[in-house]
Amino acid sequence: MDQAEIIEKIAKELSISNAQSQRLLKATLREIRDLLRVGHAVTIPHLGTFDTATYEEHRGYRPATHDFVIFPKRRVPVFRTGTLLREEVYDIESNVAGAPT
């Protein structure tokens, strides 16, 4: 499913136009990104938590150049799934057609 399909589903679910749905989705994603940028975590119940992890400066091997380099300290986005989502996906996978029950 791509962004256009998500926009259509939101529009249909909320009985709004695709343009309104697109603005809603973009505003939500922009707000999540802006909060992560300043170091805040964003929790969406039953889905999970968007957060950041900080990697300290470290020495590592770079295969492209075949040498060791110092990787700088950096902050990266991470996502931890919520329990409900994890359980529902697990249940779906265990009930796939043809799977023993």
Protein backbone atom coordinates (compact mmCIF):
# COMPACT_ATOMS: atom_id res chain seq x y z
CA MET A 1 0.00 0.00 0.00
CA ASP A 2 1.40 3.38 -0.93
CA GLN A 3 0.63 6.90 0.28
CA ALA A 4 -2.06 7.52 -2.33
CA GLU A 5 -3.95 4.40 -1.26
CA ILE A 6 -3.70 5.39 2.41
CA ILE A 7 -5.05 8.86 1.55
CA GLU A 8 -8.00 7.29 -0.29
CA LYS A 9 -8.78 4.97 2.62
CA ILE A 10 -8.67 7.84 5.13
CA ALA A 11 -10.90 9.96 2.91
CA LYS A 12 -13.43 7.15 2.55
CA GLU A 13 -13.37 6.30 6.28
CA LEU A 14 -13.87 9.93 7.35
CA SER A 15 -16.14 10.93 4.45
CA ILE A 16 -13.82 13.77 3.44
CA SER A 17 -12.14 14.69 0.16
CA ASN A 18 -8.82 13.19 -0.90
CA ALA A 19 -7.26 16.68 -0.66
CA GLN A 20 -8.39 17.04 2.97
CA SER A 21 -7.20 13.53 3.72
CA GLN A 22 -3.80 14.28 2.19
CA ARG A 23 -3.45 17.47 4.27
CA LEU A 24 -4.43 15.53 7.40
CA LEU A 25 -1.87 12.78 6.76
CA LYS A 26 0.91 15.22 5.85
CA ALA A 27 0.22 17.38 8.92
CA THR A 28 0.31 14.33 11.19
CA LEU A 29 3.58 13.05 9.73
CA ARG A 30 5.12 16.54 9.83
CA GLU A 31 4.19 16.91 13.51
CA ILE A 32 5.71 13.50 14.36
CA ARG A 33 8.89 14.43 12.48
CA ASP A 34 9.12 17.84 14.19
CA LEU A 35 8.68 16.31 17.65
CA LEU A 36 11.35 13.67 16.96
CA ARG A 37 13.70 16.36 15.68
CA VAL A 38 13.65 18.12 19.07
CA GLY A 39 13.98 14.87 21.02
CA HIS A 40 10.40 14.06 22.01
CA ALA A 41 8.89 10.59 21.69
CA VAL A 42 5.47 10.17 20.08
CA THR A 43 3.22 7.35 21.26
CA ILE A 44 0.16 6.33 19.28
CA PRO A 45 -1.95 3.94 21.37
CA HIS A 46 -2.25 0.41 19.97
CA LEU A 47 0.29 1.22 17.23
CA GLY A 48 3.58 2.01 18.94
CA THR A 49 6.13 4.65 19.84
CA PHE A 50 8.28 6.74 17.55
CA ASP A 51 11.44 7.80 19.35
CA THR A 52 15.11 8.48 18.74
CA ALA A 53 18.23 6.57 19.70
CA THR A 54 21.64 8.14 20.10
CA TYR A 55 24.70 6.32 18.82
CA GLU A 56 27.96 7.49 20.36
CA GLU A 57 31.01 8.16 18.26
CA HIS A 58 32.69 4.86 17.49
CA ARG A 59 35.37 3.23 15.37
CA GLY A 60 34.13 0.92 12.65
CA TYR A 61 35.07 -0.79 9.41
CA ARG A 62 33.93 0.75 6.13
CA PRO A 63 33.88 -2.03 3.47
CA ALA A 64 33.69 0.41 0.55
CA THR A 65 37.11 1.90 1.37
CA HIS A 66 38.56 -1.16 3.18
CA ASP A 67 39.65 0.83 6.19
CA PHE A 68 38.63 1.76 9.70
CA VAL A 69 36.97 5.13 10.29
CA ILE A 70 35.49 7.09 13.16
CA PHE A 71 31.70 7.28 12.84
CA PRO A 72 30.36 10.47 14.43
CA LYS A 73 27.81 10.61 17.22
CA ARG A 74 24.34 10.63 15.69
CA ARG A 75 20.67 10.41 16.55
CA VAL A 76 18.43 8.13 14.50
CA PRO A 77 14.66 7.51 14.52
CA VAL A 78 13.39 4.24 15.97
CA PHE A 79 9.94 2.66 16.21
CA ARG A 80 8.77 0.23 18.88
CA THR A 81 5.53 -1.57 18.13
CA GLY A 82 2.72 -1.52 20.64
CA THR A 83 1.58 -4.74 22.26
CA LEU A 84 -1.81 -4.79 20.52
CA LEU A 85 -0.28 -4.33 17.06
CA ARG A 86 2.35 -6.97 17.74
CA GLU A 87 -0.28 -9.46 18.94
CA GLU A 88 -2.63 -8.78 16.02
CA VAL A 89 0.10 -9.18 13.43
CA TYR A 90 1.30 -12.35 15.14
CA ASP A 91 -2.25 -13.72 15.09
CA ILE A 92 -2.66 -12.91 11.40
CA GLU A 93 0.61 -14.68 10.56
CA SER A 94 -0.36 -17.77 12.52
CA ASN A 95 -3.75 -17.97 10.75
CA VAL A 96 -2.42 -17.83 7.19
CA ALA A 97 -4.31 -20.18 4.86
CA GLY A 98 -2.68 -23.58 4.80
CA ALA A 99 -0.90 -23.12 8.10
CA PRO A 100 -1.57 -25.83 10.67
CA THR A 101 -3.98 -24.71 13.40
